[in-house]
Structure formats: structure tokens, C-alpha cells
C-alpha atoms as a PDB file:
ATOM      1  CA  MET A   1      73.454-210.025  79.471  1.00  0.00           C
ATOM      2  CA  ARG A   2      73.677-208.846  83.179  1.00  0.00           C
ATOM      3  CA  ILE A   3      75.277-205.695  82.033  1.00  0.00           C
ATOM      4  CA  GLN A   4      72.782-204.920  79.407  1.00  0.00           C
ATOM      5  CA  LYS A   5      70.079-205.202  82.148  1.00  0.00           C
ATOM      6  CA  ILE A   6      72.158-202.891  84.521  1.00  0.00           C
ATOM      7  CA  SER A   7      72.563-200.413  81.787  1.00  0.00           C
ATOM      8  CA  ALA A   8      68.854-200.425  80.889  1.00  0.00           C
ATOM      9  CA  PHE A   9      67.934-199.909  84.496  1.00  0.00           C
ATOM     10  CA  ILE A  10      70.361-196.928  84.847  1.00  0.00           C
ATOM     11  CA  GLY A  11      69.048-195.387  81.647  1.00  0.00           C
ATOM     12  CA  ILE A  12      65.369-195.726  82.662  1.00  0.00           C
ATOM     13  CA  THR A  13      66.138-194.206  86.306  1.00  0.00           C
ATOM     14  CA  ALA A  14      68.003-191.330  84.602  1.00  0.00           C
ATOM     15  CA  ALA A  15      65.078-190.625  82.232  1.00  0.00           C
ATOM     16  CA  VAL A  16      62.570-190.674  85.238  1.00  0.00           C
ATOM     17  CA  PHE A  17      64.770-188.168  86.983  1.00  0.00           C
ATOM     18  CA  VAL A  18      64.978-185.924  84.059  1.00  0.00           C
ATOM     19  CA  LEU A  19      61.301-186.099  83.244  1.00  0.00           C
ATOM     20  CA  SER A  20      60.443-185.361  86.828  1.00  0.00           C
ATOM     21  CA  ALA A  21      62.537-182.180  86.994  1.00  0.00           C
ATOM     22  CA  CYS A  22      60.708-180.951  83.942  1.00  0.00           C
ATOM     23  CA  GLY A  23      57.447-181.052  85.896  1.00  0.00           C
ATOM     24  CA  ALA A  24      58.889-179.437  89.100  1.00  0.00           C
ATOM     25  CA  LYS A  25      57.329-176.265  90.434  1.00  0.00           C
ATOM     26  CA  PRO A  26      59.052-173.009  89.779  1.00  0.00           C
ATOM     27  CA  GLU A  27      60.807-171.450  92.697  1.00  0.00           C
ATOM     28  CA  THR A  28      58.853-168.571  94.357  1.00  0.00           C
ATOM     29  CA  SER A  29      60.014-165.935  96.858  1.00  0.00           C
ATOM     30  CA  PRO A  30      58.932-166.264 100.525  1.00  0.00           C
ATOM     31  CA  ALA A  31      56.854-163.136 100.078  1.00  0.00           C
ATOM     32  CA  ALA A  32      55.081-164.783  97.114  1.00  0.00           C
ATOM     33  CA  GLN A  33      54.622-167.982  99.158  1.00  0.00           C
ATOM     34  CA  ASN A  34      52.745-166.210 102.004  1.00  0.00           C
ATOM     35  CA  ALA A  35      50.790-163.925  99.878  1.00  0.00           C
ATOM     36  CA  PRO A  36      47.035-164.410 100.308  1.00  0.00           C
ATOM     37  CA  THR A  37      45.226-166.035  97.473  1.00  0.00           C
ATOM     38  CA  SER A  38      41.844-165.577  96.385  1.00  0.00           C
ATOM     39  CA  PRO A  39      39.635-167.741  94.150  1.00  0.00           C
ATOM     40  CA  ALA A  40      39.372-166.585  90.627  1.00  0.00           C
ATOM     41  CA  PRO A  41      36.204-164.754  89.822  1.00  0.00           C
ATOM     42  CA  THR A  42      33.519-166.988  88.233  1.00  0.00           C
ATOM     43  CA  ALA A  43      30.519-166.339  86.265  1.00  0.00           C
ATOM     44  CA  THR A  44      27.282-166.542  88.021  1.00  0.00           C
ATOM     45  CA  ALA A  45      26.247-170.096  87.514  1.00  0.00           C
ATOM     46  CA  LYS A  46      22.564-171.112  87.042  1.00  0.00           C
ATOM     47  CA  PRO A  47      21.468-173.539  89.596  1.00  0.00           C
ATOM     48  CA  ALA A  48      22.031-177.104  88.439  1.00  0.00           C
ATOM     49  CA  GLY A  49      19.230-179.624  88.286  1.00  0.00           C
ATOM     50  CA  PRO A  50      15.419-179.350  87.699  1.00  0.00           C
ATOM     51  CA  LYS A  51      13.257-176.836  89.470  1.00  0.00           C
ATOM     52  CA  VAL A  52      10.573-178.134  91.808  1.00  0.00           C
ATOM     53  CA  LEU A  53       6.965-177.012  91.829  1.00  0.00           C
ATOM     54  CA  LYS A  54       4.652-178.135  94.486  1.00  0.00           C
ATOM     55  CA  VAL A  55       1.214-177.151  95.985  1.00  0.00           C
ATOM     56  CA  SER A  56       1.293-175.412  99.408  1.00  0.00           C
ATOM     57  CA  ASN A  57      -1.576-175.074 101.762  1.00  0.00           C
ATOM     58  CA  VAL A  58      -1.272-172.196 104.396  1.00  0.00           C
ATOM     59  CA  SER A  59      -4.041-171.157 106.881  1.00  0.00           C
ATOM     60  CA  GLY A  60      -5.959-168.203 105.414  1.00  0.00           C
ATOM     61  CA  PHE A  61      -5.352-169.085 101.706  1.00  0.00           C
ATOM     62  CA  SER A  62      -6.581-171.500  99.170  1.00  0.00           C
ATOM     63  CA  SER A  63      -3.906-173.696  97.651  1.00  0.00           C
ATOM     64  CA  PHE A  64      -1.081-172.161  95.846  1.00  0.00           C
ATOM     65  CA  VAL A  65       2.079-173.121  93.897  1.00  0.00           C
ATOM     66  CA  THR A  66       5.514-172.644  95.529  1.00  0.00           C
ATOM     67  CA  ASN A  67       9.054-173.914  94.733  1.00  0.00           C
ATOM     68  CA  GLY A  68      10.675-176.896  96.374  1.00  0.00           C
ATOM     69  CA  THR A  69      11.581-174.945  99.393  1.00  0.00           C
ATOM     70  CA  GLY A  70       8.269-173.247  99.827  1.00  0.00           C
ATOM     71  CA  ARG A  71       8.921-169.864  97.977  1.00  0.00           C
ATOM     72  CA  THR A  72       5.508-168.513  96.755  1.00  0.00           C
ATOM     73  CA  ILE A  73       5.107-168.340  92.923  1.00  0.00           C
ATOM     74  CA  TYR A  74       3.055-165.558  91.142  1.00  0.00           C
ATOM     75  CA  ARG A  75       1.240-164.858  88.089  1.00  0.00           C
ATOM     76  CA  PHE A  76       0.841-161.331  86.356  1.00  0.00           C
ATOM     77  CA  ASP A  77      -2.576-160.322  84.885  1.00  0.00           C
ATOM     78  CA  LYS A  78      -0.820-158.164  82.206  1.00  0.00           C
ATOM     79  CA  ASP A  79       0.786-161.343  80.687  1.00  0.00           C
ATOM     80  CA  SER A  80      -0.918-163.208  78.013  1.00  0.00           C
ATOM     81  CA  THR A  81      -1.776-166.881  77.998  1.00  0.00           C
ATOM     82  CA  ASN A  82      -2.688-167.480  74.378  1.00  0.00           C
ATOM     83  CA  PRO A  83       0.222-167.518  73.262  1.00  0.00           C
ATOM     84  CA  ALA A  84       2.027-167.423  76.628  1.00  0.00           C
ATOM     85  CA  LYS A  85       3.955-164.377  76.801  1.00  0.00           C
ATOM     86  CA  SER A  86       5.595-162.310  79.500  1.00  0.00           C
ATOM     87  CA  THR A  87       5.420-158.512  79.667  1.00  0.00           C
ATOM     88  CA  CYS A  88       7.659-158.307  82.675  1.00  0.00           C
ATOM     89  CA  PHE A  89      11.218-157.275  81.844  1.00  0.00           C
ATOM     90  CA  ASP A  90      14.020-154.803  83.163  1.00  0.00           C
ATOM     91  CA  ALA A  91      12.959-153.119  86.314  1.00  0.00           C
ATOM     92  CA  CYS A  92       9.922-155.234  86.529  1.00  0.00           C
ATOM     93  CA  ALA A  93      11.938-158.487  86.375  1.00  0.00           C
ATOM     94  CA  LYS A  94      14.133-157.101  89.148  1.00  0.00           C
ATOM     95  CA  THR A  95      11.090-157.094  91.588  1.00  0.00           C
ATOM     96  CA  TRP A  96       9.170-159.932  90.082  1.00  0.00           C
ATOM     97  CA  GLU A  97      12.070-162.580  89.334  1.00  0.00           C
ATOM     98  CA  PRO A  98      11.087-164.979  86.447  1.00  0.00           C
ATOM     99  CA  VAL A  99      10.971-168.720  87.597  1.00  0.00           C
ATOM    100  CA  LEU A 100      13.420-170.266  84.960  1.00  0.00           C
ATOM    101  CA  ALA A 101      13.596-173.787  84.196  1.00  0.00           C
ATOM    102  CA  GLY A 102      16.561-176.014  85.187  1.00  0.00           C
ATOM    103  CA  PRO A 103      18.909-177.283  82.416  1.00  0.00           C
ATOM    104  CA  ASN A 104      17.180-178.994  79.608  1.00  0.00           C
ATOM    105  CA  ASP A 105      13.873-177.316  80.527  1.00  0.00           C
ATOM    106  CA  GLY A 106      14.169-179.435  83.870  1.00  0.00           C
ATOM    107  CA  PHE A 107      11.382-179.366  86.419  1.00  0.00           C
ATOM    108  CA  THR A 108       9.485-181.819  88.846  1.00  0.00           C
ATOM    109  CA  VAL A 109       6.163-181.625  90.372  1.00  0.00           C
ATOM    110  CA  GLU A 110       6.574-182.803  93.944  1.00  0.00           C
ATOM    111  CA  GLY A 111       3.732-184.266  95.883  1.00  0.00           C
ATOM    112  CA  GLY A 112       1.077-184.125  93.144  1.00  0.00           C
ATOM    113  CA  GLY A 113      -1.635-181.591  92.747  1.00  0.00           C
ATOM    114  CA  ILE A 114      -0.452-179.846  89.621  1.00  0.00           C
ATOM    115  CA  ASP A 115      -1.305-181.366  86.107  1.00  0.00           C
ATOM    116  CA  GLN A 116       2.007-181.756  84.220  1.00  0.00           C
ATOM    117  CA  SER A 117       0.262-181.001  80.941  1.00  0.00           C
ATOM    118  CA  LEU A 118      -0.533-177.418  82.152  1.00  0.00           C
ATOM    119  CA  ILE A 119       3.394-176.678  82.337  1.00  0.00           C
ATOM    120  CA  GLY A 120       5.005-175.041  79.581  1.00  0.00           C
ATOM    121  CA  PHE A 121       8.071-172.619  78.663  1.00  0.00           C
ATOM    122  CA  ILE A 122       8.611-169.220  77.153  1.00  0.00           C
ATOM    123  CA  ASP A 123      11.953-167.822  76.114  1.00  0.00           C
ATOM    124  CA  ARG A 124      13.507-164.699  77.663  1.00  0.00           C
ATOM    125  CA  PRO A 125      16.805-163.158  77.793  1.00  0.00           C
ATOM    126  CA  GLU A 126      17.689-164.868  81.099  1.00  0.00           C
ATOM    127  CA  GLY A 127      16.644-168.314  79.888  1.00  0.00           C
ATOM    128  CA  ARG A 128      13.473-170.363  79.607  1.00  0.00           C
ATOM    129  CA  GLN A 129      10.630-169.348  82.009  1.00  0.00           C
ATOM    130  CA  ILE A 130       8.175-171.730  83.305  1.00  0.00           C
ATOM    131  CA  THR A 131       4.493-171.137  82.683  1.00  0.00           C
ATOM    132  CA  LEU A 132       1.394-172.843  84.325  1.00  0.00           C
ATOM    133  CA  LYS A 133      -1.656-172.843  82.051  1.00  0.00           C
ATOM    134  CA  GLY A 134       0.030-170.237  79.958  1.00  0.00           C
ATOM    135  CA  TRP A 135       0.781-167.797  82.867  1.00  0.00           C
ATOM    136  CA  ALA A 136       4.504-167.121  83.199  1.00  0.00           C
ATOM    137  CA  LEU A 137       5.637-167.751  86.740  1.00  0.00           C
ATOM    138  CA  TYR A 138       7.594-165.254  89.104  1.00  0.00           C
ATOM    139  CA  TYR A 139       8.827-164.826  92.451  1.00  0.00           C
ATOM    140  CA  PHE A 140       8.323-161.630  94.451  1.00  0.00           C
ATOM    141  CA  LYS A 141      11.776-160.203  95.872  1.00  0.00           C
ATOM    142  CA  ASP A 142       9.957-158.799  98.960  1.00  0.00           C
ATOM    143  CA  ASP A 143       8.741-162.126 100.160  1.00  0.00           C
ATOM    144  CA  LYS A 144      11.344-162.625 103.049  1.00  0.00           C
ATOM    145  CA  THR A 145      10.184-165.906 104.410  1.00  0.00           C
ATOM    146  CA  LEU A 146       9.155-169.283 102.828  1.00  0.00           C
ATOM    147  CA  GLY A 147       5.393-169.268 102.268  1.00  0.00           C
ATOM    148  CA  GLN A 148       5.089-165.599 102.642  1.00  0.00           C
ATOM    149  CA  THR A 149       2.556-164.082 100.148  1.00  0.00           C
ATOM    150  CA  ALA A 150       3.382-160.342 100.294  1.00  0.00           C
ATOM    151  CA  GLY A 151       3.132-160.118  96.552  1.00  0.00           C
ATOM    152  CA  HIS A 152      -0.340-161.358  96.477  1.00  0.00           C
ATOM    153  CA  GLU A 153      -2.841-158.609  95.032  1.00  0.00           C
ATOM    154  CA  GLN A 154      -0.118-156.197  94.489  1.00  0.00           C
ATOM    155  CA  GLY A 155      -1.389-153.464  92.266  1.00  0.00           C
ATOM    156  CA  GLY A 156      -4.391-155.484  91.552  1.00  0.00           C
ATOM    157  CA  VAL A 157      -2.403-157.598  88.948  1.00  0.00           C
ATOM    158  CA  TRP A 158      -0.131-159.862  90.803  1.00  0.00           C
ATOM    159  CA  PHE A 159      -1.516-163.103  92.567  1.00  0.00           C
ATOM    160  CA  ALA A 160      -0.103-166.186  94.031  1.00  0.00           C
ATOM    161  CA  ILE A 161      -0.892-168.888  91.368  1.00  0.00           C
ATOM    162  CA  ALA A 162      -3.433-171.633  92.013  1.00  0.00           C
ATOM    163  CA  PRO A 163      -2.418-175.208  90.980  1.00  0.00           C
ATOM    164  CA  ASN A 164      -4.790-174.870  87.994  1.00  0.00           C
ATOM    165  CA  GLY A 165      -3.240-171.664  86.957  1.00  0.00           C
ATOM    166  CA  GLY A 166      -5.879-169.423  88.316  1.00  0.00           C
ATOM    167  CA  LYS A 167      -5.626-166.970  91.167  1.00  0.00           C
ATOM    168  CA  ALA A 168      -5.116-168.235  94.650  1.00  0.00           C
ATOM    169  CA  LYS A 169      -7.784-166.657  96.949  1.00  0.00           C
ATOM    170  CA  ARG A 170      -7.657-165.447 100.552  1.00  0.00           C
ATOM    171  CA  THR A 171     -10.048-167.311 102.727  1.00  0.00           C
ATOM    172  CA  ALA A 172     -12.130-165.745 105.561  1.00  0.00           C
ATOM    173  CA  ALA A 173      -9.505-166.376 108.028  1.00  0.00           C
ATOM    174  CA  SER A 174      -7.006-164.009 106.348  1.00  0.00           C
ATOM    175  CA  THR A 175      -7.250-160.267 105.068  1.00  0.00           C
ATOM    176  CA  ALA A 176      -3.572-159.755 105.217  1.00  0.00           C
ATOM    177  CA  PRO A 177      -0.403-161.319 103.877  1.00  0.00           C
ATOM    178  CA  TYR A 178       0.382-164.390 105.678  1.00  0.00           C
ATOM    179  CA  SER A 179       3.638-166.235 106.087  1.00  0.00           C
ATOM    180  CA  TYR A 180       4.346-169.620 107.921  1.00  0.00           C
END
């Protein structure tokens, strides 16, 4: 009986050595071991998680909508609201970037002030664009700081969007784009 146990132990040990040899790393030359490596290219990933919409109040402006970090959100008067439809594609969408929903049309309203029943979505080639009271939402690429409103009144058709879907207004304290 003792010999059978020893034989079984030796057999199992031998099998472990054989199997571990199968999984060993292949030999590489010293030059290959020292060669710099770079990560494999990856596709541009869409940001995970829901988008955040919130109301911002800046001196010189009525309330307007921003994203979670304070980037100003705009509406375009050449779009339609009934039905909601964007007319900004190609070169326009490079300057006026669509505000796309997160996975599963994810978004949250932070801090109140925006009626969630006014939020909707439209389909575009890049994904699902968020709408507010039917107006497709956009970022302006030339806004360089958070809270900046450089796109407001551009061409007389682009406006920071108010929480009710209307146009944000400059107040008497401001006649030029303002940032905080």
C-alpha cells in the first residue's frame, strides 16, 4: 500500500512538471527583451457612465445649462423642435460638438432646476444626442474655460440654452462673453 502511495505521488509530481513546462514563456533574445514596447492602439472609447446636466449661474447671464464640469451647452435656432431634429453635421459638428448621451441613454440632472420630462434624445451617426425641450444640445469647441460662453449669439443662431429650453440672456452687467 505504501508503495502505491509513493508511486501515485511521483506520478502526480511528474505530471505537474510536464504541464508547467507546457505553459512556460518562449525564450527571447536579449535585444527583444530590451526593445521598447508601446500599448496596442485602441479605438476611441466613449466616456462611460451618464452625462450630467446642471444649471449654472454666472454674473452677467441668466441661468443656463452646463455639463457636470461646467462646460456651457448650446442650442441652434436652425434645428427643429417638433419633431426634434439636428441640422448640424460634418464641418458644423466639428465646431459645435453634439452632447451625446451616456450608455443606455444615461444622463443625470444635478442640483435640480431642469425638468427631466423636457429631456429627450435624437439619433445621429455619432450616437444619441440629448435634447432639451426638443432642442438638440451642443458644446462650442472654442469655449476654452469652464463656464465660458464664447458661442453665445454666434451668427445670431447659437445660444447658451436656458433650463427651460429657451435662450439664455445676457443681463445688464454683461455685454461681452464671460467666463468664470
